[in-house]
C-alpha cells in the first residue's frame, strides 16, 4: 500500500500528557520543522527538559516514556516511605 505524502489533519495538533499526581505535564508540538517534547513542572509550567525529534511517532513515544518514568518516581517514593515506616516498627 502506498503512503500518501499528504498530512493527516491532526498531525499538527499539540498533544499533552499529565502525570497521575498532576505535578508534571509533557507536551508534543511541531517546532522548527521538528517535533518538540517539553516536560513542564506544574503549576508554574517551568521547563524541566526539552528535546527535538525528526518524526512525530518518536516524539510521542518519548513523551509517553517521560510520563511513565515520572509516574514510577512517585510510586517508588511511596514504597520507600512505607519501607522506612516498617523499619521503625522493629
N, C-alpha and C. Protein backbone atom coordinates (compact mmCIF):
# COMPACT_ATOMS: atom_id res chain seq x y z
N UNK A 1 0.84 -1.18 0.00
CA UNK A 1 0.00 0.00 0.00
C UNK A 1 0.88 1.24 0.00
N UNK A 2 0.61 2.13 -0.88
CA UNK A 2 1.39 3.36 -0.99
C UNK A 2 1.01 4.33 0.13
N UNK A 3 1.99 5.06 0.58
CA UNK A 3 1.76 6.06 1.62
C UNK A 3 1.61 7.42 0.96
N UNK A 4 0.57 8.09 1.30
CA UNK A 4 0.31 9.41 0.72
C UNK A 4 1.25 10.44 1.32
N UNK A 5 1.67 11.39 0.52
CA UNK A 5 2.53 12.46 1.01
C UNK A 5 1.76 13.53 1.75
N UNK A 6 0.43 13.42 1.77
CA UNK A 6 -0.39 14.41 2.44
C UNK A 6 -0.43 14.14 3.94
N UNK A 7 -0.44 15.20 4.70
CA UNK A 7 -0.52 15.08 6.16
C UNK A 7 -1.95 14.81 6.59
N UNK A 8 -2.06 14.09 7.69
CA UNK A 8 -3.37 13.92 8.30
C UNK A 8 -3.76 15.22 8.98
N UNK A 9 -5.04 15.45 9.16
CA UNK A 9 -5.50 16.72 9.71
C UNK A 9 -5.04 16.93 11.15
N UNK A 10 -4.76 15.88 11.89
CA UNK A 10 -4.39 16.03 13.30
C UNK A 10 -2.87 16.01 13.54
N UNK A 11 -2.08 15.99 12.47
CA UNK A 11 -0.63 15.91 12.61
C UNK A 11 -0.02 17.12 13.29
N UNK A 12 -0.62 18.28 13.15
CA UNK A 12 -0.05 19.49 13.73
C UNK A 12 -0.64 19.83 15.10
N UNK A 13 -1.52 19.01 15.60
CA UNK A 13 -2.12 19.27 16.90
C UNK A 13 -1.10 19.07 18.01
N UNK A 14 -1.21 19.90 19.04
CA UNK A 14 -0.37 19.74 20.22
C UNK A 14 -0.97 18.63 21.07
N UNK A 15 -0.11 17.70 21.52
CA UNK A 15 -0.56 16.59 22.36
C UNK A 15 0.01 16.83 23.76
N UNK A 16 -0.86 16.71 24.77
CA UNK A 16 -0.43 16.92 26.15
C UNK A 16 -0.75 15.70 27.00
N UNK A 17 0.19 15.36 27.88
CA UNK A 17 0.01 14.28 28.84
C UNK A 17 0.29 14.85 30.23
N UNK A 18 -0.44 14.37 31.23
CA UNK A 18 -0.19 14.78 32.62
C UNK A 18 0.12 13.54 33.45
N UNK A 19 0.94 13.74 34.49
CA UNK A 19 1.22 12.65 35.41
C UNK A 19 -0.02 12.40 36.27
N UNK A 20 -0.03 11.25 36.94
CA UNK A 20 -1.16 10.90 37.80
C UNK A 20 -1.35 11.92 38.92
N UNK A 21 -0.27 12.45 39.43
CA UNK A 21 -0.33 13.44 40.51
C UNK A 21 -0.58 14.86 40.01
N UNK A 22 -0.62 15.03 38.71
CA UNK A 22 -0.82 16.35 38.08
C UNK A 22 0.26 17.37 38.47
N UNK A 23 1.49 16.87 38.70
CA UNK A 23 2.58 17.78 39.05
C UNK A 23 3.53 18.02 37.88
N UNK A 24 3.39 17.25 36.79
CA UNK A 24 4.17 17.45 35.58
C UNK A 24 3.26 17.32 34.37
N UNK A 25 3.65 18.01 33.30
CA UNK A 25 2.92 17.93 32.03
C UNK A 25 3.96 17.73 30.92
N UNK A 26 3.66 16.83 30.00
CA UNK A 26 4.54 16.60 28.85
C UNK A 26 3.76 16.99 27.60
N UNK A 27 4.40 17.80 26.76
CA UNK A 27 3.74 18.34 25.58
C UNK A 27 4.55 18.00 24.34
N UNK A 28 3.85 17.59 23.27
CA UNK A 28 4.47 17.32 21.97
C UNK A 28 3.89 18.33 20.99
N UNK A 29 4.78 19.10 20.35
CA UNK A 29 4.33 20.12 19.40
C UNK A 29 5.31 20.19 18.23
N UNK A 30 4.85 20.78 17.15
CA UNK A 30 5.68 20.95 15.95
C UNK A 30 6.40 22.29 16.06
N UNK A 31 7.74 22.25 15.98
CA UNK A 31 8.55 23.46 16.12
C UNK A 31 9.75 23.37 15.20
N UNK A 32 9.99 24.40 14.44
CA UNK A 32 11.18 24.49 13.59
C UNK A 32 11.41 23.25 12.74
N UNK A 33 10.36 22.79 12.09
CA UNK A 33 10.42 21.60 11.22
C UNK A 33 10.82 20.33 11.95
N UNK A 34 10.68 20.33 13.26
CA UNK A 34 10.93 19.12 14.06
C UNK A 34 9.80 18.99 15.07
N UNK A 35 9.77 17.85 15.76
CA UNK A 35 8.79 17.62 16.81
C UNK A 35 9.47 17.84 18.15
N UNK A 36 8.87 18.69 18.96
CA UNK A 36 9.44 19.09 20.24
C UNK A 36 8.70 18.40 21.37
N UNK A 37 9.45 17.77 22.29
CA UNK A 37 8.89 17.20 23.51
C UNK A 37 9.37 18.07 24.66
N UNK A 38 8.42 18.64 25.40
CA UNK A 38 8.75 19.52 26.51
C UNK A 38 8.10 18.98 27.77
N UNK A 39 8.89 18.88 28.85
CA UNK A 39 8.37 18.47 30.15
C UNK A 39 8.30 19.72 31.02
N UNK A 40 7.09 20.01 31.52
CA UNK A 40 6.86 21.17 32.38
C UNK A 40 6.59 20.71 33.80
N UNK A 41 7.10 21.46 34.77
CA UNK A 41 6.73 21.23 36.16
C UNK A 41 5.57 22.17 36.48
N UNK A 42 4.49 21.61 36.97
CA UNK A 42 3.31 22.40 37.28
C UNK A 42 3.37 22.87 38.73
N UNK A 43 2.75 23.92 39.15
CA UNK A 43 1.74 24.70 38.46
C UNK A 43 2.30 25.85 37.63
N UNK A 44 3.57 26.21 37.77
CA UNK A 44 4.10 27.39 37.08
C UNK A 44 4.61 27.10 35.67
N UNK A 45 4.51 25.85 35.21
CA UNK A 45 4.95 25.42 33.88
C UNK A 45 6.42 25.76 33.60
N UNK A 46 7.25 25.54 34.58
CA UNK A 46 8.69 25.71 34.39
C UNK A 46 9.21 24.53 33.56
N UNK A 47 10.01 24.83 32.53
CA UNK A 47 10.53 23.78 31.66
C UNK A 47 11.61 22.98 32.40
N UNK A 48 11.42 21.66 32.44
CA UNK A 48 12.38 20.76 33.07
C UNK A 48 13.34 20.21 32.02
N UNK A 49 12.78 19.79 30.89
CA UNK A 49 13.60 19.24 29.80
C UNK A 49 12.87 19.48 28.47
N UNK A 50 13.67 19.61 27.42
CA UNK A 50 13.10 19.80 26.08
C UNK A 50 14.01 19.08 25.09
N UNK A 51 13.38 18.34 24.16
CA UNK A 51 14.16 17.60 23.18
C UNK A 51 13.41 17.62 21.85
N UNK A 52 14.15 17.43 20.76
CA UNK A 52 13.58 17.52 19.41
C UNK A 52 13.80 16.22 18.66
N UNK A 53 12.80 15.84 17.86
CA UNK A 53 12.84 14.59 17.10
C UNK A 53 12.39 14.87 15.66
N UNK A 54 12.97 14.15 14.69
CA UNK A 54 12.61 14.39 13.29
C UNK A 54 11.24 13.82 12.92
N UNK A 55 10.75 12.83 13.67
CA UNK A 55 9.49 12.19 13.33
C UNK A 55 8.51 12.26 14.51
N UNK A 56 7.24 12.44 14.18
CA UNK A 56 6.21 12.61 15.21
C UNK A 56 6.08 11.38 16.10
N UNK A 57 6.13 10.19 15.52
CA UNK A 57 5.94 8.98 16.31
C UNK A 57 7.04 8.80 17.35
N UNK A 58 8.26 9.25 17.03
CA UNK A 58 9.35 9.16 18.00
C UNK A 58 9.11 10.13 19.16
N UNK A 59 8.63 11.32 18.84
CA UNK A 59 8.34 12.31 19.87
C UNK A 59 7.21 11.83 20.79
N UNK A 60 6.17 11.26 20.20
CA UNK A 60 5.06 10.74 21.01
C UNK A 60 5.51 9.60 21.91
N UNK A 61 6.35 8.72 21.38
CA UNK A 61 6.87 7.61 22.17
C UNK A 61 7.71 8.12 23.34
N UNK A 62 8.55 9.12 23.09
CA UNK A 62 9.39 9.68 24.15
C UNK A 62 8.54 10.39 25.21
N UNK A 63 7.50 11.08 24.79
CA UNK A 63 6.60 11.75 25.73
C UNK A 63 5.93 10.72 26.65
N UNK A 64 5.49 9.61 26.09
CA UNK A 64 4.89 8.56 26.90
C UNK A 64 5.91 7.93 27.84
N UNK A 65 7.17 7.81 27.39
CA UNK A 65 8.23 7.32 28.27
C UNK A 65 8.43 8.25 29.45
N UNK A 66 8.45 9.56 29.19
CA UNK A 66 8.61 10.53 30.28
C UNK A 66 7.47 10.40 31.29
N UNK A 67 6.25 10.28 30.82
CA UNK A 67 5.10 10.15 31.73
C UNK A 67 5.24 8.88 32.56
N UNK A 68 5.61 7.78 31.92
CA UNK A 68 5.77 6.52 32.65
C UNK A 68 6.85 6.64 33.73
N UNK A 69 7.98 7.26 33.38
CA UNK A 69 9.06 7.44 34.35
C UNK A 69 8.65 8.35 35.51
N UNK A 70 7.97 9.43 35.20
CA UNK A 70 7.54 10.35 36.25
C UNK A 70 6.51 9.69 37.17
N UNK A 71 5.62 8.88 36.63
CA UNK A 71 4.65 8.17 37.46
C UNK A 71 5.33 7.10 38.32
N UNK A 72 6.36 6.44 37.79
CA UNK A 72 7.10 5.45 38.56
C UNK A 72 7.86 6.10 39.71
N UNK A 73 8.33 7.31 39.49
CA UNK A 73 9.06 8.03 40.53
C UNK A 73 8.19 8.20 41.76
N UNK A 74 6.95 8.58 41.57
CA UNK A 74 6.02 8.76 42.68
C UNK A 74 5.79 7.44 43.41
N UNK A 75 5.61 6.36 42.65
CA UNK A 75 5.37 5.05 43.26
C UNK A 75 6.57 4.61 44.09
N UNK A 76 7.79 4.83 43.58
CA UNK A 76 8.99 4.44 44.32
C UNK A 76 9.15 5.25 45.59
N UNK A 77 8.81 6.54 45.54
CA UNK A 77 8.88 7.37 46.75
C UNK A 77 7.91 6.84 47.80
N UNK A 78 6.70 6.46 47.39
CA UNK A 78 5.72 5.93 48.32
C UNK A 78 6.18 4.60 48.90
N UNK A 79 6.78 3.74 48.08
CA UNK A 79 7.29 2.46 48.56
C UNK A 79 8.42 2.67 49.57
N UNK A 80 9.28 3.64 49.28
CA UNK A 80 10.39 3.95 50.18
C UNK A 80 9.89 4.44 51.52
N UNK A 81 8.86 5.26 51.53
CA UNK A 81 8.28 5.74 52.79
C UNK A 81 7.63 4.60 53.56
N UNK A 82 6.96 3.70 52.86
CA UNK A 82 6.33 2.56 53.52
C UNK A 82 7.38 1.65 54.14
N UNK A 83 8.49 1.44 53.45
CA UNK A 83 9.57 0.61 53.98
C UNK A 83 10.20 1.24 55.22
N UNK A 84 10.41 2.54 55.19
CA UNK A 84 11.03 3.21 56.33
C UNK A 84 10.09 3.15 57.55
N UNK A 85 8.80 3.22 57.32
CA UNK A 85 7.84 3.08 58.43
C UNK A 85 7.89 1.67 58.99
N UNK A 86 8.03 0.67 58.12
CA UNK A 86 8.13 -0.72 58.57
C UNK A 86 9.40 -0.93 59.38
N UNK A 87 10.49 -0.29 58.98
CA UNK A 87 11.75 -0.43 59.69
C UNK A 87 11.67 0.20 61.08
N UNK A 88 10.86 1.25 61.22
CA UNK A 88 10.71 1.91 62.52
C UNK A 88 9.98 1.02 63.53
N UNK A 89 9.20 0.08 63.06
CA UNK A 89 8.42 -0.78 63.95
C UNK A 89 9.30 -1.78 64.69
N UNK A 90 10.50 -2.05 64.20
CA UNK A 90 11.35 -3.07 64.84
C UNK A 90 12.26 -2.49 65.85
